[in-house]
Amino acid sequence: MTQIGDIEVVVFDVLGTLVDESSGLRAGIREAAPGADDAFVEELLTVWQRHRDLAQRRVAEGHRAYVNPDVIDREAAQHVGDRAGLTDPAATSRLAAVGWRLPPWADTVAGLARLTRRFPVLGLSNAGRTALLRLAAHAGLRWHQALSAEDVLAYKPAPEVYRLAIDIAGCPPERVLMVAAHAWDLRGAQAMGMRTAYVHRPGGDPPTDSDAFDGLDGLATALTGE
């Protein structure tokens, strides 16, 4: 593992790495459509995720002008609502803001507390600025600054998103550690010269060229020596 003296700033992906996005989306869907069985909830979750992924990819490929991630979430909620037969606009609006209410993983709050005592810690996310504010308050996330890809009108893994974190860190990229649960995110950071660490999460996809940890406890121990 990277020696502690080599790293000056730690950057965390948020959705999927610090919070359990899939479980949070399922809970929001069940609240909006309480009569849905587990199989239908999974179908609706797939509808949401496919729309979000396609919309962000179209922006990245230049087939759609950049839109705020809250717009994409509202579109996804409308697609889910249409499939589920929702007729209450208030229920659809609450579903669209489900990203504000995602639960943290069991080791997130304690792990961030340990790391923020020793390092400047940044959150770096495709979530919008408002969503990050509300999510941090809901999940008890502790960091020194949250950066949204919205600030550069792009979505990870676009290089300008990682450049945003490097610029804020104020040190060479090789002294900035990007922590994520998805290989594509880590590859994007590596392309900008950042160091990387993989944290295992259900549904994550481990890379072969990053230091790997079962959770934030192991990462914090490796970095702090405590």
C-alpha atoms as a PDB file:
ATOM      1  CA  MET A   1       0.000   0.000   0.000  1.00  0.00           C
ATOM      2  CA  THR A   2       1.057   3.576  -0.627  1.00  0.00           C
ATOM      3  CA  GLN A   3       3.094   4.983   2.266  1.00  0.00           C
ATOM      4  CA  ILE A   4       1.367   7.660   4.311  1.00  0.00           C
ATOM      5  CA  GLY A   5       4.003  10.241   3.411  1.00  0.00           C
ATOM      6  CA  ASP A   6       3.189   9.829  -0.264  1.00  0.00           C
ATOM      7  CA  ILE A   7      -0.440  10.910   0.018  1.00  0.00           C
ATOM      8  CA  GLU A   8      -1.553  14.448   0.861  1.00  0.00           C
ATOM      9  CA  VAL A   9      -5.267  14.377  -0.056  1.00  0.00           C
ATOM     10  CA  VAL A  10      -7.861  11.592  -0.176  1.00  0.00           C
ATOM     11  CA  VAL A  11     -10.721  11.810  -2.680  1.00  0.00           C
ATOM     12  CA  PHE A  12     -13.806   9.603  -2.420  1.00  0.00           C
ATOM     13  CA  ASP A  13     -16.350   8.627  -4.980  1.00  0.00           C
ATOM     14  CA  VAL A  14     -19.704   8.955  -3.222  1.00  0.00           C
ATOM     15  CA  LEU A  15     -22.492   6.989  -4.925  1.00  0.00           C
ATOM     16  CA  GLY A  16     -21.850   3.300  -4.376  1.00  0.00           C
ATOM     17  CA  THR A  17     -18.612   3.866  -2.471  1.00  0.00           C
ATOM     18  CA  LEU A  18     -19.714   5.867   0.581  1.00  0.00           C
ATOM     19  CA  VAL A  19     -23.461   5.292   0.299  1.00  0.00           C
ATOM     20  CA  ASP A  20     -25.527   2.276  -0.754  1.00  0.00           C
ATOM     21  CA  GLU A  21     -27.203   3.751  -3.806  1.00  0.00           C
ATOM     22  CA  SER A  22     -29.021   0.602  -4.917  1.00  0.00           C
ATOM     23  CA  SER A  23     -30.630  -0.033  -1.532  1.00  0.00           C
ATOM     24  CA  GLY A  24     -31.633   3.608  -1.274  1.00  0.00           C
ATOM     25  CA  LEU A  25     -33.240   3.541  -4.706  1.00  0.00           C
ATOM     26  CA  ARG A  26     -35.094   0.338  -3.850  1.00  0.00           C
ATOM     27  CA  ALA A  27     -36.443   1.916  -0.664  1.00  0.00           C
ATOM     28  CA  GLY A  28     -37.592   4.984  -2.564  1.00  0.00           C
ATOM     29  CA  ILE A  29     -39.309   2.847  -5.192  1.00  0.00           C
ATOM     30  CA  ARG A  30     -41.062   0.751  -2.534  1.00  0.00           C
ATOM     31  CA  GLU A  31     -42.276   3.937  -0.849  1.00  0.00           C
ATOM     32  CA  ALA A  32     -43.633   5.293  -4.128  1.00  0.00           C
ATOM     33  CA  ALA A  33     -45.170   1.955  -5.190  1.00  0.00           C
ATOM     34  CA  PRO A  34     -45.965   0.093  -1.942  1.00  0.00           C
ATOM     35  CA  GLY A  35     -47.868  -2.650  -3.760  1.00  0.00           C
ATOM     36  CA  ALA A  36     -44.852  -3.695  -5.862  1.00  0.00           C
ATOM     37  CA  ASP A  37     -43.366  -7.108  -5.145  1.00  0.00           C
ATOM     38  CA  ASP A  38     -39.606  -7.683  -5.030  1.00  0.00           C
ATOM     39  CA  ALA A  39     -39.375  -8.694  -8.693  1.00  0.00           C
ATOM     40  CA  PHE A  40     -41.202  -5.566  -9.838  1.00  0.00           C
ATOM     41  CA  VAL A  41     -39.069  -3.365  -7.584  1.00  0.00           C
ATOM     42  CA  GLU A  42     -35.962  -4.822  -9.258  1.00  0.00           C
ATOM     43  CA  GLU A  43     -37.490  -4.143 -12.674  1.00  0.00           C
ATOM     44  CA  LEU A  44     -38.183  -0.539 -11.712  1.00  0.00           C
ATOM     45  CA  LEU A  45     -34.677  -0.168 -10.302  1.00  0.00           C
ATOM     46  CA  THR A  46     -33.298  -1.329 -13.650  1.00  0.00           C
ATOM     47  CA  VAL A  47     -35.481   1.232 -15.435  1.00  0.00           C
ATOM     48  CA  TRP A  48     -33.999   3.988 -13.259  1.00  0.00           C
ATOM     49  CA  GLN A  49     -30.389   2.878 -13.617  1.00  0.00           C
ATOM     50  CA  ARG A  50     -30.575   2.333 -17.366  1.00  0.00           C
ATOM     51  CA  HIS A  51     -32.058   5.766 -17.954  1.00  0.00           C
ATOM     52  CA  ARG A  52     -29.439   7.473 -15.788  1.00  0.00           C
ATOM     53  CA  ASP A  53     -26.539   5.600 -17.365  1.00  0.00           C
ATOM     54  CA  LEU A  54     -27.790   6.234 -20.905  1.00  0.00           C
ATOM     55  CA  ALA A  55     -28.450   9.921 -20.243  1.00  0.00           C
ATOM     56  CA  GLN A  56     -24.990  10.470 -18.776  1.00  0.00           C
ATOM     57  CA  ARG A  57     -23.360   8.519 -21.600  1.00  0.00           C
ATOM     58  CA  ARG A  58     -25.185  10.611 -24.210  1.00  0.00           C
ATOM     59  CA  VAL A  59     -23.856  13.759 -22.548  1.00  0.00           C
ATOM     60  CA  ALA A  60     -20.329  12.307 -22.484  1.00  0.00           C
ATOM     61  CA  GLU A  61     -20.529  11.357 -26.166  1.00  0.00           C
ATOM     62  CA  GLY A  62     -21.834  14.775 -27.194  1.00  0.00           C
ATOM     63  CA  HIS A  63     -25.281  13.507 -28.231  1.00  0.00           C
ATOM     64  CA  ARG A  64     -27.007  15.576 -25.556  1.00  0.00           C
ATOM     65  CA  ALA A  65     -26.182  18.938 -24.057  1.00  0.00           C
ATOM     66  CA  TYR A  66     -25.154  18.818 -20.424  1.00  0.00           C
ATOM     67  CA  VAL A  67     -28.065  18.763 -17.984  1.00  0.00           C
ATOM     68  CA  ASN A  68     -27.990  18.924 -14.211  1.00  0.00           C
ATOM     69  CA  PRO A  69     -28.103  15.437 -12.628  1.00  0.00           C
ATOM     70  CA  ASP A  70     -31.288  16.455 -10.830  1.00  0.00           C
ATOM     71  CA  VAL A  71     -32.922  16.723 -14.260  1.00  0.00           C
ATOM     72  CA  ILE A  72     -31.850  13.178 -15.092  1.00  0.00           C
ATOM     73  CA  ASP A  73     -33.179  11.945 -11.738  1.00  0.00           C
ATOM     74  CA  ARG A  74     -36.534  13.586 -12.435  1.00  0.00           C
ATOM     75  CA  GLU A  75     -36.632  11.905 -15.830  1.00  0.00           C
ATOM     76  CA  ALA A  76     -35.763   8.553 -14.256  1.00  0.00           C
ATOM     77  CA  ALA A  77     -38.451   8.995 -11.604  1.00  0.00           C
ATOM     78  CA  GLN A  78     -41.000   9.785 -14.307  1.00  0.00           C
ATOM     79  CA  HIS A  79     -40.053   6.651 -16.249  1.00  0.00           C
ATOM     80  CA  VAL A  80     -40.385   4.565 -13.079  1.00  0.00           C
ATOM     81  CA  GLY A  81     -43.672   6.256 -12.244  1.00  0.00           C
ATOM     82  CA  ASP A  82     -45.057   5.603 -15.712  1.00  0.00           C
ATOM     83  CA  ARG A  83     -44.070   1.928 -15.499  1.00  0.00           C
ATOM     84  CA  ALA A  84     -45.543   1.593 -12.004  1.00  0.00           C
ATOM     85  CA  GLY A  85     -48.728   3.471 -12.836  1.00  0.00           C
ATOM     86  CA  LEU A  86     -48.140   6.275 -10.342  1.00  0.00           C
ATOM     87  CA  THR A  87     -50.706   9.056 -10.575  1.00  0.00           C
ATOM     88  CA  ASP A  88     -49.674  11.239  -7.626  1.00  0.00           C
ATOM     89  CA  PRO A  89     -47.261  13.986  -8.755  1.00  0.00           C
ATOM     90  CA  ALA A  90     -46.086  14.457  -5.169  1.00  0.00           C
ATOM     91  CA  ALA A  91     -45.030  10.800  -4.962  1.00  0.00           C
ATOM     92  CA  THR A  92     -43.090  11.107  -8.211  1.00  0.00           C
ATOM     93  CA  SER A  93     -41.400  14.302  -6.980  1.00  0.00           C
ATOM     94  CA  ARG A  94     -40.351  12.623  -3.741  1.00  0.00           C
ATOM     95  CA  LEU A  95     -39.005   9.675  -5.713  1.00  0.00           C
ATOM     96  CA  ALA A  96     -36.981  12.072  -7.889  1.00  0.00           C
ATOM     97  CA  ALA A  97     -35.206  13.307  -4.727  1.00  0.00           C
ATOM     98  CA  VAL A  98     -34.404   9.818  -3.442  1.00  0.00           C
ATOM     99  CA  GLY A  99     -30.712  10.560  -4.031  1.00  0.00           C
ATOM    100  CA  TRP A 100     -30.871  12.904  -1.030  1.00  0.00           C
ATOM    101  CA  ARG A 101     -31.790   9.996   1.261  1.00  0.00           C
ATOM    102  CA  LEU A 102     -29.324   7.204   0.459  1.00  0.00           C
ATOM    103  CA  PRO A 103     -27.985   5.188   3.427  1.00  0.00           C
ATOM    104  CA  PRO A 104     -24.258   5.081   4.225  1.00  0.00           C
ATOM    105  CA  TRP A 105     -22.443   1.767   4.259  1.00  0.00           C
ATOM    106  CA  ALA A 106     -21.878   0.439   7.783  1.00  0.00           C
ATOM    107  CA  ASP A 107     -18.189   1.454   7.828  1.00  0.00           C
ATOM    108  CA  THR A 108     -18.518   4.829   6.096  1.00  0.00           C
ATOM    109  CA  VAL A 109     -19.094   7.256   8.949  1.00  0.00           C
ATOM    110  CA  ALA A 110     -16.389   5.834  11.219  1.00  0.00           C
ATOM    111  CA  GLY A 111     -13.941   5.445   8.329  1.00  0.00           C
ATOM    112  CA  LEU A 112     -14.381   9.039   7.203  1.00  0.00           C
ATOM    113  CA  ALA A 113     -13.986  10.246  10.785  1.00  0.00           C
ATOM    114  CA  ARG A 114     -10.637   8.466  11.063  1.00  0.00           C
ATOM    115  CA  LEU A 115      -9.353   9.761   7.737  1.00  0.00           C
ATOM    116  CA  THR A 116     -10.499  13.362   8.150  1.00  0.00           C
ATOM    117  CA  ARG A 117      -8.442  13.598  11.331  1.00  0.00           C
ATOM    118  CA  ARG A 118      -5.286  12.973   9.308  1.00  0.00           C
ATOM    119  CA  PHE A 119      -5.955  14.104   5.730  1.00  0.00           C
ATOM    120  CA  PRO A 120      -7.898  16.674   3.770  1.00  0.00           C
ATOM    121  CA  VAL A 121     -10.792  14.625   2.375  1.00  0.00           C
ATOM    122  CA  LEU A 122     -12.846  15.450  -0.724  1.00  0.00           C
ATOM    123  CA  GLY A 123     -16.020  13.907  -2.048  1.00  0.00           C
ATOM    124  CA  LEU A 124     -16.111  13.761  -5.865  1.00  0.00           C
ATOM    125  CA  SER A 125     -19.402  12.769  -7.403  1.00  0.00           C
ATOM    126  CA  ASN A 126     -21.643  12.862 -10.440  1.00  0.00           C
ATOM    127  CA  ALA A 127     -24.401  13.864  -8.016  1.00  0.00           C
ATOM    128  CA  GLY A 128     -25.401  17.519  -8.102  1.00  0.00           C
ATOM    129  CA  ARG A 129     -24.362  20.138  -5.571  1.00  0.00           C
ATOM    130  CA  THR A 130     -27.732  20.241  -3.824  1.00  0.00           C
ATOM    131  CA  ALA A 131     -27.947  16.448  -3.683  1.00  0.00           C
ATOM    132  CA  LEU A 132     -24.475  16.243  -2.112  1.00  0.00           C
ATOM    133  CA  LEU A 133     -25.422  18.791   0.538  1.00  0.00           C
ATOM    134  CA  ARG A 134     -28.635  16.966   1.456  1.00  0.00           C
ATOM    135  CA  LEU A 135     -27.015  13.535   1.230  1.00  0.00           C
ATOM    136  CA  ALA A 136     -24.166  14.499   3.554  1.00  0.00           C
ATOM    137  CA  ALA A 137     -26.658  15.753   6.138  1.00  0.00           C
ATOM    138  CA  HIS A 138     -28.850  12.648   5.827  1.00  0.00           C
ATOM    139  CA  ALA A 139     -26.078  10.037   5.883  1.00  0.00           C
ATOM    140  CA  GLY A 140     -23.733  11.802   8.322  1.00  0.00           C
ATOM    141  CA  LEU A 141     -20.920  12.056   5.781  1.00  0.00           C
ATOM    142  CA  ARG A 142     -17.872  13.960   6.967  1.00  0.00           C
ATOM    143  CA  TRP A 143     -15.511  15.503   4.480  1.00  0.00           C
ATOM    144  CA  HIS A 144     -13.759  18.820   4.103  1.00  0.00           C
ATOM    145  CA  GLN A 145     -15.277  19.671   0.741  1.00  0.00           C
ATOM    146  CA  ALA A 146     -17.699  18.034  -1.670  1.00  0.00           C
ATOM    147  CA  LEU A 147     -17.104  18.492  -5.397  1.00  0.00           C
ATOM    148  CA  SER A 148     -19.796  17.871  -7.964  1.00  0.00           C
ATOM    149  CA  ALA A 149     -19.144  17.054 -11.606  1.00  0.00           C
ATOM    150  CA  GLU A 150     -21.831  19.673 -12.156  1.00  0.00           C
ATOM    151  CA  ASP A 151     -19.120  22.277 -11.519  1.00  0.00           C
ATOM    152  CA  VAL A 152     -17.416  21.357 -14.810  1.00  0.00           C
ATOM    153  CA  LEU A 153     -20.597  20.444 -16.734  1.00  0.00           C
ATOM    154  CA  ALA A 154     -19.499  16.852 -17.236  1.00  0.00           C
ATOM    155  CA  TYR A 155     -19.852  13.376 -15.766  1.00  0.00           C
ATOM    156  CA  LYS A 156     -17.186  10.980 -14.564  1.00  0.00           C
ATOM    157  CA  PRO A 157     -15.098   9.488 -16.057  1.00  0.00           C
ATOM    158  CA  ALA A 158     -14.543  12.688 -18.058  1.00  0.00           C
ATOM    159  CA  PRO A 159     -10.994  13.914 -17.298  1.00  0.00           C
ATOM    160  CA  GLU A 160     -12.124  17.408 -16.335  1.00  0.00           C
ATOM    161  CA  VAL A 161     -13.959  15.982 -13.306  1.00  0.00           C
ATOM    162  CA  TYR A 162     -10.774  14.476 -11.863  1.00  0.00           C
ATOM    163  CA  ARG A 163      -8.854  17.607 -12.807  1.00  0.00           C
ATOM    164  CA  LEU A 164     -11.298  19.532 -10.608  1.00  0.00           C
ATOM    165  CA  ALA A 165     -10.271  17.439  -7.599  1.00  0.00           C
ATOM    166  CA  ILE A 166      -6.566  17.742  -8.410  1.00  0.00           C
ATOM    167  CA  ASP A 167      -6.821  21.518  -8.734  1.00  0.00           C
ATOM    168  CA  ILE A 168      -8.648  21.822  -5.406  1.00  0.00           C
ATOM    169  CA  ALA A 169      -6.143  19.477  -3.731  1.00  0.00           C
ATOM    170  CA  GLY A 170      -3.330  21.843  -4.661  1.00  0.00           C
ATOM    171  CA  CYS A 171      -0.669  19.164  -4.959  1.00  0.00           C
ATOM    172  CA  PRO A 172       0.699  16.873  -7.675  1.00  0.00           C
ATOM    173  CA  PRO A 173      -1.805  14.209  -8.797  1.00  0.00           C
ATOM    174  CA  GLU A 174       0.468  11.400  -7.631  1.00  0.00           C
ATOM    175  CA  ARG A 175      -0.068  12.666  -4.083  1.00  0.00           C
ATOM    176  CA  VAL A 176      -3.862  12.523  -4.435  1.00  0.00           C
ATOM    177  CA  LEU A 177      -5.549   9.199  -3.681  1.00  0.00           C
ATOM    178  CA  MET A 178      -8.838   8.426  -5.454  1.00  0.00           C
ATOM    179  CA  VAL A 179     -10.960   5.846  -3.620  1.00  0.00           C
ATOM    180  CA  ALA A 180     -13.836   4.140  -5.431  1.00  0.00           C
ATOM    181  CA  ALA A 181     -15.738   0.866  -5.779  1.00  0.00           C
ATOM    182  CA  HIS A 182     -15.779   0.832  -9.581  1.00  0.00           C
ATOM    183  CA  ALA A 183     -12.921   0.086 -11.946  1.00  0.00           C
ATOM    184  CA  TRP A 184     -14.077   2.620 -14.551  1.00  0.00           C
ATOM    185  CA  ASP A 185     -13.853   5.404 -11.951  1.00  0.00           C
ATOM    186  CA  LEU A 186     -10.381   4.351 -10.860  1.00  0.00           C
ATOM    187  CA  ARG A 187      -9.198   4.139 -14.470  1.00  0.00           C
ATOM    188  CA  GLY A 188     -10.428   7.676 -15.062  1.00  0.00           C
ATOM    189  CA  ALA A 189      -8.432   8.894 -12.067  1.00  0.00           C
ATOM    190  CA  GLN A 190      -5.325   6.954 -13.094  1.00  0.00           C
ATOM    191  CA  ALA A 191      -5.440   8.557 -16.537  1.00  0.00           C
ATOM    192  CA  MET A 192      -4.997  11.898 -14.774  1.00  0.00           C
ATOM    193  CA  GLY A 193      -2.036  10.641 -12.755  1.00  0.00           C
ATOM    194  CA  MET A 194      -3.871  10.101  -9.461  1.00  0.00           C
ATOM    195  CA  ARG A 195      -3.119   7.219  -7.116  1.00  0.00           C
ATOM    196  CA  THR A 196      -6.045   4.854  -6.635  1.00  0.00           C
ATOM    197  CA  ALA A 197      -7.512   2.462  -4.076  1.00  0.00           C
ATOM    198  CA  TYR A 198     -10.419   0.074  -4.519  1.00  0.00           C
ATOM    199  CA  VAL A 199     -12.897  -0.459  -1.678  1.00  0.00           C
ATOM    200  CA  HIS A 200     -15.051  -3.564  -2.006  1.00  0.00           C
ATOM    201  CA  ARG A 201     -18.796  -2.943  -2.097  1.00  0.00           C
ATOM    202  CA  PRO A 202     -21.620  -5.248  -3.235  1.00  0.00           C
ATOM    203  CA  GLY A 203     -22.080  -4.691  -6.941  1.00  0.00           C
ATOM    204  CA  GLY A 204     -18.655  -3.107  -7.367  1.00  0.00           C
ATOM    205  CA  ASP A 205     -16.188  -4.231 -10.007  1.00  0.00           C
ATOM    206  CA  PRO A 206     -12.640  -4.630  -8.675  1.00  0.00           C
ATOM    207  CA  PRO A 207      -9.761  -3.501 -10.879  1.00  0.00           C
ATOM    208  CA  THR A 208      -6.491  -5.356 -11.209  1.00  0.00           C
ATOM    209  CA  ASP A 209      -4.178  -2.362 -10.895  1.00  0.00           C
ATOM    210  CA  SER A 210      -5.259  -0.611  -7.674  1.00  0.00           C
ATOM    211  CA  ASP A 211      -4.657  -1.398  -4.027  1.00  0.00           C
ATOM    212  CA  ALA A 212      -7.750  -3.214  -2.748  1.00  0.00           C
ATOM    213  CA  PHE A 213      -9.465  -3.145   0.656  1.00  0.00           C
ATOM    214  CA  ASP A 214     -12.512  -4.911   2.038  1.00  0.00           C
ATOM    215  CA  GLY A 215     -13.782  -1.651   3.514  1.00  0.00           C
ATOM    216  CA  LEU A 216     -12.911   1.774   4.867  1.00  0.00           C
ATOM    217  CA  ASP A 217     -11.533   0.326   8.095  1.00  0.00           C
ATOM    218  CA  GLY A 218      -8.693  -1.360   6.270  1.00  0.00           C
ATOM    219  CA  LEU A 219      -8.050   1.689   4.103  1.00  0.00           C
ATOM    220  CA  ALA A 220      -7.938   3.997   7.111  1.00  0.00           C
ATOM    221  CA  THR A 221      -5.558   1.680   8.949  1.00  0.00           C
ATOM    222  CA  ALA A 222      -3.237   1.457   5.957  1.00  0.00           C
ATOM    223  CA  LEU A 223      -3.139   5.215   5.501  1.00  0.00           C
ATOM    224  CA  THR A 224      -3.027   6.347   9.115  1.00  0.00           C
ATOM    225  CA  GLY A 225      -1.142   3.467  10.709  1.00  0.00           C
ATOM    226  CA  GLU A 226      -3.698   3.514  13.538  1.00  0.00           C
END
